[in-house]
Structures are given as C-alpha cells and as structure tokens.
Amino acid sequence: MLGITIVVGLFLLGTLLHRVGVPIPGGVLGLLLFYGVLAAGLVKLQWVERAANLLLRHMVLLFVPLTVGLMEMGRMLSRQAFALTASLVVSFLAVLLTTGLLGRWLLSAVKEAEQEPRPEQDRAGAGR
C-alpha cells in the first residue's frame, strides 16, 4: 500500500501543480517528481517497486478508457482525418530530424574529445 500511496500521491501533486499554472501536464510533472524523490533518496526503490511492477503488468487495461473515448469520437475524427494525419506526420518528422541531428552532433563531440590529447597523458609520456 505504501508504494501505491507514493505513486498516486506524486501523480496528484503533479496534477495540482499543473492546475495552479505550471505549463507541463500533470502526469509528466508527477513522473518528474517521482524521479526526483528517487534520485534524492527520499523514497527507496523497495518501497515502490511492487506497486510499479503491478501497474506495468496491467498497463494495457489502463488504455481501455482512452480507446473507448476514441471510438465514441469516430465521426469527428473521420472529419478531421487529414488535419490529424498531417499534424502527426509533421510532428513525427520534426522529432525524428531533431533526434538524428542531436545524436550526430553529440557523437561528433565525443569523438573529438576522445582524439584530443589529455594534459596528464602528455606529462606521463614525457618522463619516459
């Protein structure tokens, strides 16, 4: 029960922060808070591990309300199909391009850093 209480409490805190004006969705804020308290050691992994595993095992069931809601909105979605598809394609390509360019930039920075001689290596080699 402690694990469920912590997970739900942090989710509700994130939702509350969103409602008072933080421009990040409540669920995302809750996850960030959850990560923060785990990283800071305020919450031990053992306290929430069983609850998290339970939620992950039954995650498919958590999507049932979303699926039913989408089925009820079928007519509206079919009228907006072109706009929705265009939006999804553009956002997918933007994320793909951004991730690829950022990855390429980071990899080139790592390769450059590996090729530069380190001062301690020069000193160690000079004494031989």
C-alpha atoms as a PDB file:
ATOM      1  CA  MET A   1       0.000   0.000   0.000  1.00  0.00           C
ATOM      2  CA  LEU A   2       2.899   2.356   0.685  1.00  0.00           C
ATOM      3  CA  GLY A   3       4.092   2.124  -2.917  1.00  0.00           C
ATOM      4  CA  ILE A   4       0.672   2.835  -4.406  1.00  0.00           C
ATOM      5  CA  THR A   5       0.224   5.738  -1.976  1.00  0.00           C
ATOM      6  CA  ILE A   6       3.554   7.270  -3.027  1.00  0.00           C
ATOM      7  CA  VAL A   7       2.933   6.821  -6.763  1.00  0.00           C
ATOM      8  CA  VAL A   8      -0.637   8.175  -6.638  1.00  0.00           C
ATOM      9  CA  GLY A   9       0.386  10.986  -4.272  1.00  0.00           C
ATOM     10  CA  LEU A  10       3.114  12.198  -6.625  1.00  0.00           C
ATOM     11  CA  PHE A  11       0.727  11.963  -9.582  1.00  0.00           C
ATOM     12  CA  LEU A  12      -1.851  14.053  -7.717  1.00  0.00           C
ATOM     13  CA  LEU A  13       0.820  16.562  -6.690  1.00  0.00           C
ATOM     14  CA  GLY A  14       1.845  16.897 -10.340  1.00  0.00           C
ATOM     15  CA  THR A  15      -1.799  17.408 -11.331  1.00  0.00           C
ATOM     16  CA  LEU A  16      -2.195  20.055  -8.631  1.00  0.00           C
ATOM     17  CA  LEU A  17       0.928  21.878  -9.819  1.00  0.00           C
ATOM     18  CA  HIS A  18      -0.432  21.851 -13.362  1.00  0.00           C
ATOM     19  CA  ARG A  19      -3.746  23.296 -12.209  1.00  0.00           C
ATOM     20  CA  VAL A  20      -2.034  26.162 -10.385  1.00  0.00           C
ATOM     21  CA  GLY A  21      -0.210  27.208 -13.526  1.00  0.00           C
ATOM     22  CA  VAL A  22       2.817  25.028 -14.298  1.00  0.00           C
ATOM     23  CA  PRO A  23       2.651  24.603 -18.102  1.00  0.00           C
ATOM     24  CA  ILE A  24       3.583  20.902 -18.068  1.00  0.00           C
ATOM     25  CA  PRO A  25       0.942  18.127 -17.999  1.00  0.00           C
ATOM     26  CA  GLY A  26       0.221  16.777 -14.527  1.00  0.00           C
ATOM     27  CA  GLY A  27       1.228  13.222 -15.378  1.00  0.00           C
ATOM     28  CA  VAL A  28       4.604  14.389 -16.661  1.00  0.00           C
ATOM     29  CA  LEU A  29       5.121  16.537 -13.574  1.00  0.00           C
ATOM     30  CA  GLY A  30       4.259  13.543 -11.409  1.00  0.00           C
ATOM     31  CA  LEU A  31       6.868  11.429 -13.213  1.00  0.00           C
ATOM     32  CA  LEU A  32       9.467  14.176 -12.807  1.00  0.00           C
ATOM     33  CA  LEU A  33       8.650  14.432  -9.108  1.00  0.00           C
ATOM     34  CA  PHE A  34       8.845  10.629  -8.821  1.00  0.00           C
ATOM     35  CA  TYR A  35      12.275  10.624 -10.456  1.00  0.00           C
ATOM     36  CA  GLY A  36      13.389  13.489  -8.236  1.00  0.00           C
ATOM     37  CA  VAL A  37      12.431  11.821  -4.964  1.00  0.00           C
ATOM     38  CA  LEU A  38      14.030   8.538  -6.091  1.00  0.00           C
ATOM     39  CA  ALA A  39      17.241  10.278  -7.181  1.00  0.00           C
ATOM     40  CA  ALA A  40      17.389  12.306  -3.955  1.00  0.00           C
ATOM     41  CA  GLY A  41      16.917   9.177  -1.873  1.00  0.00           C
ATOM     42  CA  LEU A  42      13.744  10.487  -0.225  1.00  0.00           C
ATOM     43  CA  VAL A  43      11.901   7.393  -1.461  1.00  0.00           C
ATOM     44  CA  LYS A  44      13.565   3.998  -1.576  1.00  0.00           C
ATOM     45  CA  LEU A  45      13.113   1.846  -4.669  1.00  0.00           C
ATOM     46  CA  GLN A  46      11.988  -1.092  -2.495  1.00  0.00           C
ATOM     47  CA  TRP A  47       9.025   0.999  -1.263  1.00  0.00           C
ATOM     48  CA  VAL A  48       7.563   1.483  -4.755  1.00  0.00           C
ATOM     49  CA  GLU A  49       8.938  -1.453  -6.755  1.00  0.00           C
ATOM     50  CA  ARG A  50       5.993  -3.836  -6.197  1.00  0.00           C
ATOM     51  CA  ALA A  51       3.431  -1.119  -6.943  1.00  0.00           C
ATOM     52  CA  ALA A  52       5.282  -0.060 -10.112  1.00  0.00           C
ATOM     53  CA  ASN A  53       5.529  -3.662 -11.325  1.00  0.00           C
ATOM     54  CA  LEU A  54       1.808  -4.142 -10.708  1.00  0.00           C
ATOM     55  CA  LEU A  55       0.958  -1.027 -12.733  1.00  0.00           C
ATOM     56  CA  LEU A  56       3.307  -2.041 -15.540  1.00  0.00           C
ATOM     57  CA  ARG A  57       1.856  -5.569 -15.694  1.00  0.00           C
ATOM     58  CA  HIS A  58      -1.662  -4.182 -16.121  1.00  0.00           C
ATOM     59  CA  MET A  59      -0.814  -1.150 -18.268  1.00  0.00           C
ATOM     60  CA  VAL A  60      -2.898  -2.403 -21.194  1.00  0.00           C
ATOM     61  CA  LEU A  61      -6.044  -2.140 -19.060  1.00  0.00           C
ATOM     62  CA  LEU A  62      -5.250   1.498 -18.325  1.00  0.00           C
ATOM     63  CA  PHE A  63      -5.634   2.307 -22.034  1.00  0.00           C
ATOM     64  CA  VAL A  64      -9.199   0.932 -22.284  1.00  0.00           C
ATOM     65  CA  PRO A  65     -10.909   4.248 -21.346  1.00  0.00           C
ATOM     66  CA  LEU A  66      -8.823   6.101 -23.941  1.00  0.00           C
ATOM     67  CA  THR A  67      -9.714   3.563 -26.628  1.00  0.00           C
ATOM     68  CA  VAL A  68     -13.427   3.725 -25.818  1.00  0.00           C
ATOM     69  CA  GLY A  69     -13.289   7.519 -25.911  1.00  0.00           C
ATOM     70  CA  LEU A  70     -11.664   7.444 -29.337  1.00  0.00           C
ATOM     71  CA  MET A  71     -14.324   5.026 -30.600  1.00  0.00           C
ATOM     72  CA  GLU A  72     -17.083   7.387 -29.463  1.00  0.00           C
ATOM     73  CA  MET A  73     -15.393  10.275 -31.274  1.00  0.00           C
ATOM     74  CA  GLY A  74     -15.166   8.331 -34.544  1.00  0.00           C
ATOM     75  CA  ARG A  75     -17.306  10.709 -36.626  1.00  0.00           C
ATOM     76  CA  MET A  76     -15.410  13.785 -35.508  1.00  0.00           C
ATOM     77  CA  LEU A  77     -12.065  12.065 -36.061  1.00  0.00           C
ATOM     78  CA  SER A  78     -13.054  10.998 -39.574  1.00  0.00           C
ATOM     79  CA  ARG A  79     -13.997  14.597 -40.443  1.00  0.00           C
ATOM     80  CA  GLN A  80     -10.613  15.803 -39.188  1.00  0.00           C
ATOM     81  CA  ALA A  81      -8.589  12.880 -40.560  1.00  0.00           C
ATOM     82  CA  PHE A  82      -6.481  14.953 -42.973  1.00  0.00           C
ATOM     83  CA  ALA A  83      -5.556  17.569 -40.371  1.00  0.00           C
ATOM     84  CA  LEU A  84      -4.773  14.919 -37.764  1.00  0.00           C
ATOM     85  CA  THR A  85      -2.669  12.873 -40.179  1.00  0.00           C
ATOM     86  CA  ALA A  86      -0.753  15.933 -41.362  1.00  0.00           C
ATOM     87  CA  SER A  87      -0.121  17.001 -37.779  1.00  0.00           C
ATOM     88  CA  LEU A  88       1.107  13.535 -36.803  1.00  0.00           C
ATOM     89  CA  VAL A  89       3.406  13.248 -39.829  1.00  0.00           C
ATOM     90  CA  VAL A  90       4.914  16.716 -39.343  1.00  0.00           C
ATOM     91  CA  SER A  91       5.471  16.209 -35.613  1.00  0.00           C
ATOM     92  CA  PHE A  92       6.947  12.730 -36.210  1.00  0.00           C
ATOM     93  CA  LEU A  93       9.374  14.099 -38.800  1.00  0.00           C
ATOM     94  CA  ALA A  94      10.321  17.023 -36.548  1.00  0.00           C
ATOM     95  CA  VAL A  95      11.136  14.690 -33.654  1.00  0.00           C
ATOM     96  CA  LEU A  96      12.990  12.282 -35.946  1.00  0.00           C
ATOM     97  CA  LEU A  97      15.064  15.070 -37.515  1.00  0.00           C
ATOM     98  CA  THR A  98      15.822  16.737 -34.183  1.00  0.00           C
ATOM     99  CA  THR A  99      16.852  13.465 -32.568  1.00  0.00           C
ATOM    100  CA  GLY A 100      19.038  12.470 -35.506  1.00  0.00           C
ATOM    101  CA  LEU A 101      20.804  15.834 -35.718  1.00  0.00           C
ATOM    102  CA  LEU A 102      21.314  16.000 -31.962  1.00  0.00           C
ATOM    103  CA  GLY A 103      22.692  12.443 -31.935  1.00  0.00           C
ATOM    104  CA  ARG A 104      25.079  13.220 -34.785  1.00  0.00           C
ATOM    105  CA  TRP A 105      26.266  16.402 -33.050  1.00  0.00           C
ATOM    106  CA  LEU A 106      26.781  14.623 -29.712  1.00  0.00           C
ATOM    107  CA  LEU A 107      28.657  11.722 -31.312  1.00  0.00           C
ATOM    108  CA  SER A 108      30.979  14.077 -33.180  1.00  0.00           C
ATOM    109  CA  ALA A 109      31.646  15.977 -29.942  1.00  0.00           C
ATOM    110  CA  VAL A 110      32.511  12.712 -28.157  1.00  0.00           C
ATOM    111  CA  LYS A 111      34.829  11.616 -30.981  1.00  0.00           C
ATOM    112  CA  GLU A 112      36.611  14.990 -30.928  1.00  0.00           C
ATOM    113  CA  ALA A 113      37.029  14.779 -27.160  1.00  0.00           C
ATOM    114  CA  GLU A 114      38.497  11.266 -27.453  1.00  0.00           C
ATOM    115  CA  GLN A 115      41.012  12.382 -30.089  1.00  0.00           C
ATOM    116  CA  GLU A 116      42.340  15.361 -28.114  1.00  0.00           C
ATOM    117  CA  PRO A 117      45.420  14.526 -26.050  1.00  0.00           C
ATOM    118  CA  ARG A 118      44.927  14.943 -22.332  1.00  0.00           C
ATOM    119  CA  PRO A 119      47.483  17.018 -20.406  1.00  0.00           C
ATOM    120  CA  GLU A 120      48.124  14.230 -17.868  1.00  0.00           C
ATOM    121  CA  GLN A 121      48.878  11.809 -20.708  1.00  0.00           C
ATOM    122  CA  ASP A 122      51.474  14.229 -22.143  1.00  0.00           C
ATOM    123  CA  ARG A 123      53.182  14.571 -18.761  1.00  0.00           C
ATOM    124  CA  ALA A 124      53.190  10.812 -18.169  1.00  0.00           C
ATOM    125  CA  GLY A 125      54.691  10.170 -21.607  1.00  0.00           C
ATOM    126  CA  ALA A 126      57.345  12.930 -21.251  1.00  0.00           C
ATOM    127  CA  GLY A 127      59.002  11.305 -18.227  1.00  0.00           C
ATOM    128  CA  ARG A 128      59.816   8.059 -20.064  1.00  0.00           C
END
